[in-house]
Amino acid sequence: MPRTFPALLFLIPGFLFLSAAAPEDADFGKFEASSDVGKVEPAGKATFDKTTDQYKITASGANIWAKLDAFHFLLRKLSGDVTLEADIAFVGEGKNPHRKAGWMIRQSLDPDAPYVDVMVHGEGLIALQYRSEKGGITKDIASKTKSPATVKLERRGDTFTVSVAANGEAFTPVGEIKVPMPDPVYAGLAVCSHDQATSETAIFSNVSIKDHLTK
């Protein structure tokens, strides 16, 4: 059975969300659905290449920041503790140096939902970003390590930890924060072009989802 949410209507308190339709034979690998979050035009898309075990996401979106987010999300629902790892690379020079791609754990698909992520930026910055409460302001902790690097996002209860590893070396911590997010949550790969009218593409390799993963 394909793991998709084709043309489903999500009713969430205070927010109406229509997922992007997916072909009946869509294959999202380790994930369940591919969908835009927030105001995104042109629409984004995600594909999985079985031969390379890589994920490719193309997205527009003004930003993942402040009080509202706009991006494309390759996602699945999960509960409990989890460790997420991946190598991330952008395709092409890009228009905006602040374009973002990374792992995200999010309470809901509301554009102002609480979340924690690790984002690789177009200019090489890697940062832990988080919104502690619905409608709150996004904050961040920047890594001293620049991309390319393997990024890791861990959830242990309400504690989230981000670490990075450059050139095959050991992981070094970026930061640890607490953000209450009752189960289930949405976890997955996110891309934002940082320009509402422009689409950017990122490739995710060596994608790993470990620990108490459930649908």
Protein backbone atom coordinates (compact mmCIF):
# COMPACT_ATOMS: atom_id res chain seq x y z
CA MET A 1 0.00 0.00 0.00
CA PRO A 2 1.38 3.47 -0.81
CA ARG A 3 1.98 5.68 2.21
CA THR A 4 0.31 8.88 1.08
CA PHE A 5 -2.30 11.40 2.15
CA PRO A 6 -3.76 12.20 -1.30
CA ALA A 7 -6.18 15.12 -1.38
CA LEU A 8 -7.11 14.83 2.28
CA LEU A 9 -8.71 17.64 4.23
CA PHE A 10 -7.21 18.19 7.68
CA LEU A 11 -9.40 20.00 10.19
CA ILE A 12 -7.29 21.47 12.96
CA PRO A 13 -8.65 23.96 15.53
CA GLY A 14 -8.38 27.44 14.02
CA PHE A 15 -6.85 26.20 10.76
CA LEU A 16 -8.05 24.52 7.59
CA PHE A 17 -5.38 22.59 5.72
CA LEU A 18 -5.63 20.90 2.33
CA SER A 19 -2.77 18.56 1.65
CA ALA A 20 -1.06 18.41 -1.71
CA ALA A 21 -2.42 15.58 -3.79
CA ALA A 22 -0.03 12.72 -4.46
CA PRO A 23 -0.16 10.08 -7.18
CA GLU A 24 -1.61 6.77 -6.08
CA ASP A 25 1.73 5.07 -6.71
CA ALA A 26 3.81 7.74 -4.92
CA ASP A 27 6.71 6.35 -2.90
CA PHE A 28 7.98 8.54 -0.06
CA GLY A 29 10.44 6.03 1.36
CA LYS A 30 10.57 6.38 5.14
CA PHE A 31 7.83 9.01 5.10
CA GLU A 32 4.05 9.06 4.70
CA ALA A 33 3.17 12.28 2.89
CA SER A 34 4.50 15.31 1.07
CA SER A 35 2.73 18.62 1.60
CA ASP A 36 3.09 22.37 1.78
CA VAL A 37 2.64 24.09 5.14
CA GLY A 38 1.48 27.69 5.32
CA LYS A 39 1.19 30.04 2.34
CA VAL A 40 3.29 28.46 -0.42
CA GLU A 41 3.03 29.36 -4.11
CA PRO A 42 4.29 27.86 -6.35
CA ALA A 43 3.54 24.54 -4.68
CA GLY A 44 6.37 22.28 -3.57
CA LYS A 45 7.02 18.62 -4.27
CA ALA A 46 9.11 15.73 -2.97
CA THR A 47 10.40 12.54 -4.56
CA PHE A 48 12.31 9.47 -3.38
CA ASP A 49 14.92 7.74 -5.55
CA LYS A 50 15.17 4.06 -4.62
CA THR A 51 18.37 3.57 -6.59
CA THR A 52 20.31 6.22 -4.67
CA ASP A 53 18.22 6.16 -1.45
CA GLN A 54 17.99 9.96 -1.70
CA TYR A 55 15.12 12.39 -1.18
CA LYS A 56 14.67 15.45 -3.40
CA ILE A 57 12.49 18.35 -2.27
CA THR A 58 11.64 21.47 -4.27
CA ALA A 59 9.88 24.31 -2.47
CA SER A 60 9.14 28.01 -2.34
CA GLY A 61 7.92 29.74 0.83
CA ALA A 62 8.78 33.06 2.45
CA ASN A 63 10.53 31.64 5.52
CA ILE A 64 10.57 29.28 8.50
CA TRP A 65 10.85 31.98 11.10
CA ALA A 66 9.08 34.57 13.27
CA LYS A 67 5.42 33.65 13.96
CA LEU A 68 4.45 31.96 10.69
CA ASP A 69 6.15 29.35 8.51
CA ALA A 70 5.86 28.60 4.79
CA PHE A 71 7.69 25.54 3.41
CA HIS A 72 7.36 22.05 1.94
CA PHE A 73 7.33 19.12 4.34
CA LEU A 74 8.07 15.44 3.66
CA LEU A 75 6.59 14.00 6.83
CA ARG A 76 5.29 11.18 8.96
CA LYS A 77 3.55 11.02 12.33
CA LEU A 78 5.48 9.53 15.23
CA SER A 79 5.39 9.20 18.98
CA GLY A 80 8.11 8.85 21.58
CA ASP A 81 11.83 9.43 21.42
CA VAL A 82 13.56 9.57 18.05
CA THR A 83 16.93 10.33 16.43
CA LEU A 84 17.01 11.87 12.96
CA GLU A 85 20.14 12.17 10.79
CA ALA A 86 20.90 13.25 7.22
CA ASP A 87 23.38 14.84 4.84
CA ILE A 88 21.90 17.86 3.04
CA ALA A 89 22.98 19.63 -0.15
CA PHE A 90 21.32 22.34 -2.22
CA VAL A 91 21.04 22.13 -6.00
CA GLY A 92 22.53 25.13 -7.83
CA GLU A 93 23.68 28.52 -6.61
CA GLY A 94 20.23 29.61 -5.48
CA LYS A 95 18.65 33.05 -5.34
CA ASN A 96 18.59 33.70 -1.59
CA PRO A 97 21.55 32.78 0.65
CA HIS A 98 19.09 32.20 3.51
CA ARG A 99 17.25 29.33 1.79
CA LYS A 100 16.79 26.48 4.28
CA ALA A 101 16.69 22.69 4.30
CA GLY A 102 16.70 20.32 7.25
CA TRP A 103 14.99 18.08 9.78
CA MET A 104 11.91 19.28 11.63
CA ILE A 105 9.72 17.95 14.45
CA ARG A 106 6.45 19.85 14.59
CA GLN A 107 3.36 19.71 16.81
CA SER A 108 0.90 20.23 13.96
CA LEU A 109 0.60 21.44 10.36
CA ASP A 110 -0.55 24.88 11.49
CA PRO A 111 1.85 27.54 10.11
CA ASP A 112 2.32 28.93 13.65
CA ALA A 113 2.75 25.57 15.43
CA PRO A 114 5.49 24.82 17.99
CA TYR A 115 8.48 23.12 16.37
CA VAL A 116 12.17 22.32 16.63
CA ASP A 117 14.42 21.92 13.61
CA VAL A 118 18.01 21.87 12.40
CA MET A 119 18.34 23.96 9.25
CA VAL A 120 21.17 24.13 6.75
CA HIS A 121 21.18 27.55 5.06
CA GLY A 122 22.28 28.35 1.53
CA GLU A 123 25.33 30.28 2.71
CA GLY A 124 26.48 27.36 4.90
CA LEU A 125 25.06 28.33 8.30
CA ILE A 126 23.63 25.45 10.35
CA ALA A 127 21.24 26.36 13.17
CA LEU A 128 18.86 24.90 15.71
CA GLN A 129 15.56 26.78 15.36
CA TYR A 130 12.54 26.49 17.63
CA ARG A 131 9.15 27.96 18.49
CA SER A 132 8.21 27.10 22.06
CA GLU A 133 4.50 27.86 21.86
CA LYS A 134 1.80 28.26 19.24
CA GLY A 135 2.04 31.70 17.66
CA GLY A 136 5.31 32.43 19.44
CA ILE A 137 8.48 33.94 18.02
CA THR A 138 11.11 31.64 16.53
CA LYS A 139 14.49 31.58 18.23
CA ASP A 140 17.73 29.95 17.17
CA ILE A 141 21.16 28.70 18.21
CA ALA A 142 23.83 28.86 15.49
CA SER A 143 26.42 26.14 15.01
CA LYS A 144 30.11 26.97 14.71
CA THR A 145 30.31 24.23 12.08
CA LYS A 146 29.30 25.16 8.53
CA SER A 147 27.89 22.86 5.89
CA PRO A 148 28.60 20.42 4.38
CA ALA A 149 28.07 18.37 7.52
CA THR A 150 25.85 15.57 8.77
CA VAL A 151 23.07 16.99 10.94
CA LYS A 152 21.32 15.23 13.83
CA LEU A 153 18.08 16.12 15.65
CA GLU A 154 17.17 14.11 18.75
CA ARG A 155 13.97 14.09 20.79
CA ARG A 156 13.92 12.72 24.33
CA GLY A 157 10.61 13.62 25.91
CA ASP A 158 10.35 17.42 25.75
CA THR A 159 14.13 17.81 25.33
CA PHE A 160 15.52 18.36 21.84
CA THR A 161 19.21 18.24 20.95
CA VAL A 162 20.95 19.24 17.73
CA SER A 163 24.48 18.19 16.81
CA VAL A 164 26.59 18.23 13.64
CA ALA A 165 29.50 16.22 12.24
CA ALA A 166 31.78 17.62 9.52
CA ASN A 167 34.00 15.54 7.24
CA GLY A 168 33.11 12.25 8.90
CA GLU A 169 34.28 13.42 12.33
CA ALA A 170 32.47 12.92 15.63
CA PHE A 171 29.24 14.81 16.31
CA THR A 172 29.59 18.06 18.26
CA PRO A 173 26.64 19.66 20.08
CA VAL A 174 24.95 22.80 18.79
CA GLY A 175 22.35 23.21 21.50
CA GLU A 176 19.67 21.66 23.69
CA ILE A 177 16.24 23.14 24.40
CA LYS A 178 12.92 22.10 25.92
CA VAL A 179 9.72 22.48 23.91
CA PRO A 180 6.53 20.73 25.12
CA MET A 181 5.01 18.74 22.26
CA PRO A 182 2.47 16.05 23.18
CA ASP A 183 2.39 12.92 21.02
CA PRO A 184 1.85 12.40 18.20
CA VAL A 185 4.04 14.88 16.35
CA TYR A 186 5.00 15.37 12.72
CA ALA A 187 8.63 14.68 11.84
CA GLY A 188 10.35 15.02 8.51
CA LEU A 189 12.41 16.91 5.98
CA ALA A 190 11.64 20.56 5.26
CA VAL A 191 12.72 22.98 2.53
CA CYS A 192 12.03 26.72 2.23
CA SER A 193 13.36 28.98 -0.55
CA HIS A 194 13.16 32.15 1.62
CA ASP A 195 11.46 33.77 -1.38
CA GLN A 196 7.74 33.37 -1.96
CA ALA A 197 8.08 33.58 -5.75
CA THR A 198 11.10 31.30 -6.15
CA SER A 199 11.55 27.55 -5.78
CA GLU A 200 14.75 25.94 -4.50
CA THR A 201 15.78 22.27 -4.43
CA ALA A 202 17.68 20.25 -1.82
CA ILE A 203 18.92 16.65 -1.82
CA PHE A 204 18.85 14.60 1.40
CA SER A 205 21.22 11.61 1.62
CA ASN A 206 21.94 8.99 4.31
CA VAL A 207 18.55 9.69 5.87
CA SER A 208 18.16 7.84 9.16
CA ILE A 209 15.20 7.60 11.56
CA LYS A 210 15.93 5.65 14.72
CA ASP A 211 14.36 4.71 18.05
CA HIS A 212 10.72 4.50 19.14
CA LEU A 213 9.18 5.29 15.76
CA THR A 214 5.47 4.68 15.23
CA LYS A 215 2.95 5.85 12.70
